[in-house]
PDB file of all heavy atoms in Angstrom:
ATOM      1  N   TYR A   1      -1.500 -17.199   6.112  1.00  0.00           N
ATOM      2  CA  TYR A   1      -0.612 -16.159   5.615  1.00  0.00           C
ATOM      3  C   TYR A   1      -1.360 -15.220   4.675  1.00  0.00           C
ATOM      4  O   TYR A   1      -0.908 -14.107   4.440  1.00  0.00           O
ATOM      5  CB  TYR A   1       0.603 -16.752   4.907  1.00  0.00           C
ATOM      6  CG  TYR A   1       1.531 -17.543   5.801  1.00  0.00           C
ATOM      7  CD1 TYR A   1       2.229 -18.629   5.302  1.00  0.00           C
ATOM      8  CD2 TYR A   1       1.725 -17.212   7.132  1.00  0.00           C
ATOM      9  CE1 TYR A   1       3.101 -19.353   6.085  1.00  0.00           C
ATOM     10  CE2 TYR A   1       2.596 -17.935   7.930  1.00  0.00           C
ATOM     11  CZ  TYR A   1       3.282 -19.011   7.410  1.00  0.00           C
ATOM     12  OH  TYR A   1       4.135 -19.721   8.196  1.00  0.00           O
ATOM     13  N   ASP A   2      -2.510 -15.679   4.156  1.00  0.00           N
ATOM     14  CA  ASP A   2      -3.314 -14.797   3.314  1.00  0.00           C
ATOM     15  C   ASP A   2      -3.805 -13.589   4.101  1.00  0.00           C
ATOM     16  O   ASP A   2      -3.797 -12.462   3.599  1.00  0.00           O
ATOM     17  CB  ASP A   2      -4.468 -15.558   2.663  1.00  0.00           C
ATOM     18  CG  ASP A   2      -5.303 -16.361   3.651  1.00  0.00           C
ATOM     19  OD1 ASP A   2      -4.864 -16.598   4.804  1.00  0.00           O
ATOM     20  OD2 ASP A   2      -6.410 -16.791   3.275  1.00  0.00           O
ATOM     21  N   LEU A   3      -4.184 -13.801   5.345  1.00  0.00           N
ATOM     22  CA  LEU A   3      -4.571 -12.686   6.206  1.00  0.00           C
ATOM     23  C   LEU A   3      -3.353 -11.823   6.526  1.00  0.00           C
ATOM     24  O   LEU A   3      -3.428 -10.592   6.488  1.00  0.00           O
ATOM     25  CB  LEU A   3      -5.206 -13.201   7.494  1.00  0.00           C
ATOM     26  CG  LEU A   3      -5.595 -12.154   8.533  1.00  0.00           C
ATOM     27  CD1 LEU A   3      -6.580 -11.152   7.942  1.00  0.00           C
ATOM     28  CD2 LEU A   3      -6.166 -12.818   9.764  1.00  0.00           C
ATOM     29  N   GLN A   4      -2.241 -12.479   6.798  1.00  0.00           N
ATOM     30  CA  GLN A   4      -1.005 -11.755   7.099  1.00  0.00           C
ATOM     31  C   GLN A   4      -0.603 -10.854   5.938  1.00  0.00           C
ATOM     32  O   GLN A   4      -0.332  -9.664   6.127  1.00  0.00           O
ATOM     33  CB  GLN A   4       0.110 -12.756   7.411  1.00  0.00           C
ATOM     34  CG  GLN A   4       1.421 -12.113   7.787  1.00  0.00           C
ATOM     35  CD  GLN A   4       2.513 -13.155   7.976  1.00  0.00           C
ATOM     36  OE1 GLN A   4       2.749 -13.978   7.079  1.00  0.00           O
ATOM     37  NE2 GLN A   4       3.160 -13.119   9.129  1.00  0.00           N
ATOM     38  N   TYR A   5      -0.575 -11.395   4.717  1.00  0.00           N
ATOM     39  CA  TYR A   5      -0.130 -10.560   3.596  1.00  0.00           C
ATOM     40  C   TYR A   5      -1.138  -9.465   3.264  1.00  0.00           C
ATOM     41  O   TYR A   5      -0.755  -8.404   2.773  1.00  0.00           O
ATOM     42  CB  TYR A   5       0.295 -11.369   2.379  1.00  0.00           C
ATOM     43  CG  TYR A   5      -0.736 -12.115   1.574  1.00  0.00           C
ATOM     44  CD1 TYR A   5      -1.751 -11.470   0.889  1.00  0.00           C
ATOM     45  CD2 TYR A   5      -0.637 -13.499   1.432  1.00  0.00           C
ATOM     46  CE1 TYR A   5      -2.668 -12.164   0.116  1.00  0.00           C
ATOM     47  CE2 TYR A   5      -1.538 -14.202   0.656  1.00  0.00           C
ATOM     48  CZ  TYR A   5      -2.560 -13.534   0.003  1.00  0.00           C
ATOM     49  OH  TYR A   5      -3.454 -14.223  -0.768  1.00  0.00           O
ATOM     50  N   ALA A   6      -2.406  -9.678   3.554  1.00  0.00           N
ATOM     51  CA  ALA A   6      -3.386  -8.610   3.337  1.00  0.00           C
ATOM     52  C   ALA A   6      -3.113  -7.447   4.294  1.00  0.00           C
ATOM     53  O   ALA A   6      -3.142  -6.276   3.888  1.00  0.00           O
ATOM     54  CB  ALA A   6      -4.805  -9.138   3.521  1.00  0.00           C
ATOM     55  N   ILE A   7      -2.812  -7.755   5.542  1.00  0.00           N
ATOM     56  CA  ILE A   7      -2.492  -6.717   6.525  1.00  0.00           C
ATOM     57  C   ILE A   7      -1.191  -6.013   6.144  1.00  0.00           C
ATOM     58  O   ILE A   7      -1.094  -4.782   6.208  1.00  0.00           O
ATOM     59  CB  ILE A   7      -2.423  -7.318   7.941  1.00  0.00           C
ATOM     60  CG1 ILE A   7      -3.818  -7.782   8.372  1.00  0.00           C
ATOM     61  CG2 ILE A   7      -1.850  -6.308   8.936  1.00  0.00           C
ATOM     62  CD1 ILE A   7      -3.838  -8.624   9.629  1.00  0.00           C
ATOM     63  N   TYR A   8      -0.184  -6.779   5.740  1.00  0.00           N
ATOM     64  CA  TYR A   8       1.081  -6.181   5.312  1.00  0.00           C
ATOM     65  C   TYR A   8       0.872  -5.246   4.111  1.00  0.00           C
ATOM     66  O   TYR A   8       1.509  -4.211   4.008  1.00  0.00           O
ATOM     67  CB  TYR A   8       2.090  -7.258   4.915  1.00  0.00           C
ATOM     68  CG  TYR A   8       2.677  -8.059   6.051  1.00  0.00           C
ATOM     69  CD1 TYR A   8       3.513  -9.137   5.778  1.00  0.00           C
ATOM     70  CD2 TYR A   8       2.432  -7.780   7.386  1.00  0.00           C
ATOM     71  CE1 TYR A   8       4.090  -9.887   6.787  1.00  0.00           C
ATOM     72  CE2 TYR A   8       2.992  -8.525   8.398  1.00  0.00           C
ATOM     73  CZ  TYR A   8       3.820  -9.585   8.097  1.00  0.00           C
ATOM     74  OH  TYR A   8       4.383 -10.326   9.100  1.00  0.00           O
ATOM     75  N   THR A   9      -0.032  -5.641   3.218  1.00  0.00           N
ATOM     76  CA  THR A   9      -0.292  -4.811   2.040  1.00  0.00           C
ATOM     77  C   THR A   9      -0.977  -3.506   2.437  1.00  0.00           C
ATOM     78  O   THR A   9      -0.660  -2.449   1.882  1.00  0.00           O
ATOM     79  CB  THR A   9      -1.105  -5.589   0.991  1.00  0.00           C
ATOM     80  OG1 THR A   9      -0.395  -6.786   0.641  1.00  0.00           O
ATOM     81  CG2 THR A   9      -1.333  -4.764  -0.264  1.00  0.00           C
ATOM     82  N   VAL A  10      -1.883  -3.571   3.397  1.00  0.00           N
ATOM     83  CA  VAL A  10      -2.510  -2.339   3.886  1.00  0.00           C
ATOM     84  C   VAL A  10      -1.430  -1.414   4.463  1.00  0.00           C
ATOM     85  O   VAL A  10      -1.433  -0.206   4.198  1.00  0.00           O
ATOM     86  CB  VAL A  10      -3.597  -2.637   4.941  1.00  0.00           C
ATOM     87  CG1 VAL A  10      -4.072  -1.349   5.624  1.00  0.00           C
ATOM     88  CG2 VAL A  10      -4.778  -3.356   4.305  1.00  0.00           C
ATOM     89  N   ALA A  11      -0.500  -1.971   5.214  1.00  0.00           N
ATOM     90  CA  ALA A  11       0.586  -1.157   5.780  1.00  0.00           C
ATOM     91  C   ALA A  11       1.423  -0.527   4.662  1.00  0.00           C
ATOM     92  O   ALA A  11       1.787   0.655   4.737  1.00  0.00           O
ATOM     93  CB  ALA A  11       1.458  -2.003   6.696  1.00  0.00           C
ATOM     94  N   LEU A  12       1.726  -1.307   3.624  1.00  0.00           N
ATOM     95  CA  LEU A  12       2.486  -0.778   2.487  1.00  0.00           C
ATOM     96  C   LEU A  12       1.723   0.359   1.807  1.00  0.00           C
ATOM     97  O   LEU A  12       2.291   1.405   1.492  1.00  0.00           O
ATOM     98  CB  LEU A  12       2.787  -1.888   1.480  1.00  0.00           C
ATOM     99  CG  LEU A  12       3.450  -1.457   0.176  1.00  0.00           C
ATOM    100  CD1 LEU A  12       4.820  -0.829   0.433  1.00  0.00           C
ATOM    101  CD2 LEU A  12       3.551  -2.643  -0.788  1.00  0.00           C
ATOM    102  N   VAL A  13       0.429   0.169   1.601  1.00  0.00           N
ATOM    103  CA  VAL A  13      -0.395   1.188   0.956  1.00  0.00           C
ATOM    104  C   VAL A  13      -0.401   2.479   1.777  1.00  0.00           C
ATOM    105  O   VAL A  13      -0.269   3.577   1.233  1.00  0.00           O
ATOM    106  CB  VAL A  13      -1.830   0.656   0.723  1.00  0.00           C
ATOM    107  CG1 VAL A  13      -2.815   1.774   0.453  1.00  0.00           C
ATOM    108  CG2 VAL A  13      -1.828  -0.354  -0.413  1.00  0.00           C
ATOM    109  N   ARG A  14      -0.516   2.345   3.089  1.00  0.00           N
ATOM    110  CA  ARG A  14      -0.511   3.543   3.940  1.00  0.00           C
ATOM    111  C   ARG A  14       0.829   4.270   3.850  1.00  0.00           C
ATOM    112  O   ARG A  14       0.870   5.501   3.823  1.00  0.00           O
ATOM    113  CB  ARG A  14      -0.845   3.167   5.374  1.00  0.00           C
ATOM    114  CG  ARG A  14      -2.305   2.799   5.539  1.00  0.00           C
ATOM    115  CD  ARG A  14      -2.646   2.458   6.958  1.00  0.00           C
ATOM    116  NE  ARG A  14      -4.083   2.285   7.113  1.00  0.00           N
ATOM    117  CZ  ARG A  14      -4.699   2.256   8.286  1.00  0.00           C
ATOM    118  NH1 ARG A  14      -4.009   2.380   9.409  1.00  0.00           N
ATOM    119  NH2 ARG A  14      -5.996   2.090   8.348  1.00  0.00           N
ATOM    120  N   LEU A  15       1.909   3.516   3.805  1.00  0.00           N
ATOM    121  CA  LEU A  15       3.232   4.119   3.668  1.00  0.00           C
ATOM    122  C   LEU A  15       3.359   4.837   2.325  1.00  0.00           C
ATOM    123  O   LEU A  15       3.826   5.977   2.264  1.00  0.00           O
ATOM    124  CB  LEU A  15       4.325   3.058   3.801  1.00  0.00           C
ATOM    125  CG  LEU A  15       5.751   3.539   3.559  1.00  0.00           C
ATOM    126  CD1 LEU A  15       6.202   4.468   4.678  1.00  0.00           C
ATOM    127  CD2 LEU A  15       6.687   2.363   3.425  1.00  0.00           C
ATOM    128  N   LEU A  16       2.933   4.180   1.261  1.00  0.00           N
ATOM    129  CA  LEU A  16       3.031   4.785  -0.065  1.00  0.00           C
ATOM    130  C   LEU A  16       2.161   6.038  -0.185  1.00  0.00           C
ATOM    131  O   LEU A  16       2.577   7.023  -0.789  1.00  0.00           O
ATOM    132  CB  LEU A  16       2.658   3.770  -1.147  1.00  0.00           C
ATOM    133  CG  LEU A  16       3.630   2.607  -1.325  1.00  0.00           C
ATOM    134  CD1 LEU A  16       3.081   1.607  -2.331  1.00  0.00           C
ATOM    135  CD2 LEU A  16       5.005   3.109  -1.734  1.00  0.00           C
ATOM    136  N   ARG A  17       0.973   5.983   0.390  1.00  0.00           N
ATOM    137  CA  ARG A  17       0.111   7.165   0.373  1.00  0.00           C
ATOM    138  C   ARG A  17       0.779   8.342   1.085  1.00  0.00           C
ATOM    139  O   ARG A  17       0.717   9.477   0.623  1.00  0.00           O
ATOM    140  CB  ARG A  17      -1.225   6.860   1.041  1.00  0.00           C
ATOM    141  CG  ARG A  17      -2.337   6.709   0.053  1.00  0.00           C
ATOM    142  CD  ARG A  17      -3.695   6.837   0.732  1.00  0.00           C
ATOM    143  NE  ARG A  17      -4.361   5.565   0.637  1.00  0.00           N
ATOM    144  CZ  ARG A  17      -4.741   4.801   1.644  1.00  0.00           C
ATOM    145  NH1 ARG A  17      -4.558   5.163   2.881  1.00  0.00           N
ATOM    146  NH2 ARG A  17      -5.342   3.667   1.433  1.00  0.00           N
ATOM    147  N   ALA A  18       1.429   8.052   2.200  1.00  0.00           N
ATOM    148  CA  ALA A  18       2.106   9.107   2.963  1.00  0.00           C
ATOM    149  C   ALA A  18       3.310   9.658   2.210  1.00  0.00           C
ATOM    150  O   ALA A  18       3.557  10.863   2.215  1.00  0.00           O
ATOM    151  CB  ALA A  18       2.529   8.573   4.326  1.00  0.00           C
ATOM    152  N   ARG A  19       4.049   8.771   1.555  1.00  0.00           N
ATOM    153  CA  ARG A  19       5.272   9.194   0.865  1.00  0.00           C
ATOM    154  C   ARG A  19       5.014   9.797  -0.515  1.00  0.00           C
ATOM    155  O   ARG A  19       5.677  10.742  -0.916  1.00  0.00           O
ATOM    156  CB  ARG A  19       6.224   8.006   0.718  1.00  0.00           C
ATOM    157  CG  ARG A  19       6.715   7.429   2.011  1.00  0.00           C
ATOM    158  CD  ARG A  19       8.030   8.061   2.419  1.00  0.00           C
ATOM    159  NE  ARG A  19       8.435   7.683   3.744  1.00  0.00           N
ATOM    160  CZ  ARG A  19       9.304   6.731   4.036  1.00  0.00           C
ATOM    161  NH1 ARG A  19       9.861   6.035   3.074  1.00  0.00           N
ATOM    162  NH2 ARG A  19       9.614   6.489   5.290  1.00  0.00           N
ATOM    163  N   LEU A  20       4.069   9.211  -1.250  1.00  0.00           N
ATOM    164  CA  LEU A  20       3.836   9.637  -2.630  1.00  0.00           C
ATOM    165  C   LEU A  20       2.712  10.659  -2.757  1.00  0.00           C
ATOM    166  O   LEU A  20       2.576  11.298  -3.813  1.00  0.00           O
ATOM    167  CB  LEU A  20       3.535   8.432  -3.516  1.00  0.00           C
ATOM    168  CG  LEU A  20       4.608   7.338  -3.561  1.00  0.00           C
ATOM    169  CD1 LEU A  20       4.135   6.166  -4.401  1.00  0.00           C
ATOM    170  CD2 LEU A  20       5.926   7.892  -4.061  1.00  0.00           C
ATOM    171  N   GLY A  21       1.898  10.784  -1.731  1.00  0.00           N
ATOM    172  CA  GLY A  21       0.807  11.755  -1.739  1.00  0.00           C
ATOM    173  C   GLY A  21      -0.187  11.489  -2.851  1.00  0.00           C
ATOM    174  O   GLY A  21      -0.535  10.334  -3.129  1.00  0.00           O
ATOM    175  N   PRO A  22      -0.626  12.538  -3.530  1.00  0.00           N
ATOM    176  CA  PRO A  22      -1.670  12.381  -4.549  1.00  0.00           C
ATOM    177  C   PRO A  22      -1.218  11.585  -5.775  1.00  0.00           C
ATOM    178  O   PRO A  22      -2.054  11.162  -6.575  1.00  0.00           O
ATOM    179  CB  PRO A  22      -2.020  13.825  -4.934  1.00  0.00           C
ATOM    180  CG  PRO A  22      -0.885  14.659  -4.471  1.00  0.00           C
ATOM    181  CD  PRO A  22      -0.243  13.933  -3.323  1.00  0.00           C
ATOM    182  N   ASP A  23       0.068  11.342  -5.923  1.00  0.00           N
ATOM    183  CA  ASP A  23       0.568  10.548  -7.052  1.00  0.00           C
ATOM    184  C   ASP A  23       0.397   9.048  -6.832  1.00  0.00           C
ATOM    185  O   ASP A  23       0.550   8.258  -7.765  1.00  0.00           O
ATOM    186  CB  ASP A  23       2.052  10.835  -7.303  1.00  0.00           C
ATOM    187  CG  ASP A  23       2.281  12.245  -7.817  1.00  0.00           C
ATOM    188  OD1 ASP A  23       1.349  12.811  -8.442  1.00  0.00           O
ATOM    189  OD2 ASP A  23       3.376  12.780  -7.584  1.00  0.00           O
ATOM    190  N   TYR A  24       0.079   8.640  -5.588  1.00  0.00           N
ATOM    191  CA  TYR A  24      -0.066   7.217  -5.283  1.00  0.00           C
ATOM    192  C   TYR A  24      -1.253   6.611  -6.035  1.00  0.00           C
ATOM    193  O   TYR A  24      -2.334   7.180  -6.094  1.00  0.00           O
ATOM    194  CB  TYR A  24      -0.263   6.991  -3.776  1.00  0.00           C
ATOM    195  CG  TYR A  24      -0.804   5.621  -3.496  1.00  0.00           C
ATOM    196  CD1 TYR A  24       0.022   4.511  -3.586  1.00  0.00           C
ATOM    197  CD2 TYR A  24      -2.145   5.418  -3.215  1.00  0.00           C
ATOM    198  CE1 TYR A  24      -0.477   3.235  -3.377  1.00  0.00           C
ATOM    199  CE2 TYR A  24      -2.652   4.155  -3.001  1.00  0.00           C
ATOM    200  CZ  TYR A  24      -1.819   3.070  -3.090  1.00  0.00           C
ATOM    201  OH  TYR A  24      -2.316   1.810  -2.903  1.00  0.00           O
ATOM    202  N   ASP A  25      -1.038   5.405  -6.579  1.00  0.00           N
ATOM    203  CA  ASP A  25      -2.093   4.629  -7.229  1.00  0.00           C
ATOM    204  C   ASP A  25      -1.794   3.152  -7.014  1.00  0.00           C
ATOM    205  O   ASP A  25      -0.709   2.672  -7.372  1.00  0.00           O
ATOM    206  CB  ASP A  25      -2.163   4.940  -8.728  1.00  0.00           C
ATOM    207  CG  ASP A  25      -3.192   4.078  -9.431  1.00  0.00           C
ATOM    208  OD1 ASP A  25      -4.397   4.229  -9.139  1.00  0.00           O
ATOM    209  OD2 ASP A  25      -2.785   3.238 -10.254  1.00  0.00           O
ATOM    210  N   TYR A  26      -2.734   2.428  -6.430  1.00  0.00           N
ATOM    211  CA  TYR A  26      -2.536   1.008  -6.122  1.00  0.00           C
ATOM    212  C   TYR A  26      -2.107   0.224  -7.365  1.00  0.00           C
ATOM    213  O   TYR A  26      -1.142  -0.530  -7.332  1.00  0.00           O
ATOM    214  CB  TYR A  26      -3.808   0.400  -5.532  1.00  0.00           C
ATOM    215  CG  TYR A  26      -3.643  -1.046  -5.108  1.00  0.00           C
ATOM    216  CD1 TYR A  26      -3.125  -1.360  -3.867  1.00  0.00           C
ATOM    217  CD2 TYR A  26      -4.011  -2.092  -5.946  1.00  0.00           C
ATOM    218  CE1 TYR A  26      -2.962  -2.681  -3.465  1.00  0.00           C
ATOM    219  CE2 TYR A  26      -3.866  -3.407  -5.560  1.00  0.00           C
ATOM    220  CZ  TYR A  26      -3.332  -3.697  -4.314  1.00  0.00           C
ATOM    221  OH  TYR A  26      -3.165  -5.012  -3.932  1.00  0.00           O
ATOM    222  N   ASP A  27      -2.835   0.406  -8.448  1.00  0.00           N
ATOM    223  CA  ASP A  27      -2.558  -0.380  -9.650  1.00  0.00           C
ATOM    224  C   ASP A  27      -1.172  -0.101 -10.229  1.00  0.00           C
ATOM    225  O   ASP A  27      -0.545  -0.986 -10.796  1.00  0.00           O
ATOM    226  CB  ASP A  27      -3.631  -0.142 -10.704  1.00  0.00           C
ATOM    227  CG  ASP A  27      -4.989  -0.649 -10.242  1.00  0.00           C
ATOM    228  OD1 ASP A  27      -5.039  -1.692  -9.572  1.00  0.00           O
ATOM    229  OD2 ASP A  27      -5.997   0.013 -10.542  1.00  0.00           O
ATOM    230  N   SER A  28      -0.700   1.113 -10.072  1.00  0.00           N
ATOM    231  CA  SER A  28       0.607   1.482 -10.607  1.00  0.00           C
ATOM    232  C   SER A  28       1.761   1.159  -9.665  1.00  0.00           C
ATOM    233  O   SER A  28       2.850   0.818 -10.115  1.00  0.00           O
ATOM    234  CB  SER A  28       0.655   2.985 -10.901  1.00  0.00           C
ATOM    235  OG  SER A  28      -0.302   3.337 -11.847  1.00  0.00           O
ATOM    236  N   HIS A  29       1.524   1.265  -8.371  1.00  0.00           N
ATOM    237  CA  HIS A  29       2.630   1.213  -7.421  1.00  0.00           C
ATOM    238  C   HIS A  29       2.778  -0.086  -6.634  1.00  0.00           C
ATOM    239  O   HIS A  29       3.873  -0.391  -6.178  1.00  0.00           O
ATOM    240  CB  HIS A  29       2.519   2.387  -6.434  1.00  0.00           C
ATOM    241  CG  HIS A  29       2.756   3.702  -7.092  1.00  0.00           C
ATOM    242  ND1 HIS A  29       1.750   4.620  -7.280  1.00  0.00           N
ATOM    243  CD2 HIS A  29       3.860   4.237  -7.639  1.00  0.00           C
ATOM    244  CE1 HIS A  29       2.235   5.679  -7.909  1.00  0.00           C
ATOM    245  NE2 HIS A  29       3.519   5.465  -8.145  1.00  0.00           N
ATOM    246  N   VAL A  30       1.701  -0.829  -6.442  1.00  0.00           N
ATOM    247  CA  VAL A  30       1.786  -2.040  -5.615  1.00  0.00           C
ATOM    248  C   VAL A  30       1.968  -3.265  -6.509  1.00  0.00           C
ATOM    249  O   VAL A  30       1.110  -3.577  -7.332  1.00  0.00           O
ATOM    250  CB  VAL A  30       0.548  -2.189  -4.703  1.00  0.00           C
ATOM    251  CG1 VAL A  30       0.620  -3.482  -3.902  1.00  0.00           C
ATOM    252  CG2 VAL A  30       0.432  -0.983  -3.774  1.00  0.00           C
TER     253      VAL A  30
END
């Protein structure tokens, strides 16, 4: 599941980057 959650997190990051644009920051948002 460690591999699974890493992939899910990449998907979340891509979604946040698309939605939040330049305001996205991993440390602040994830």
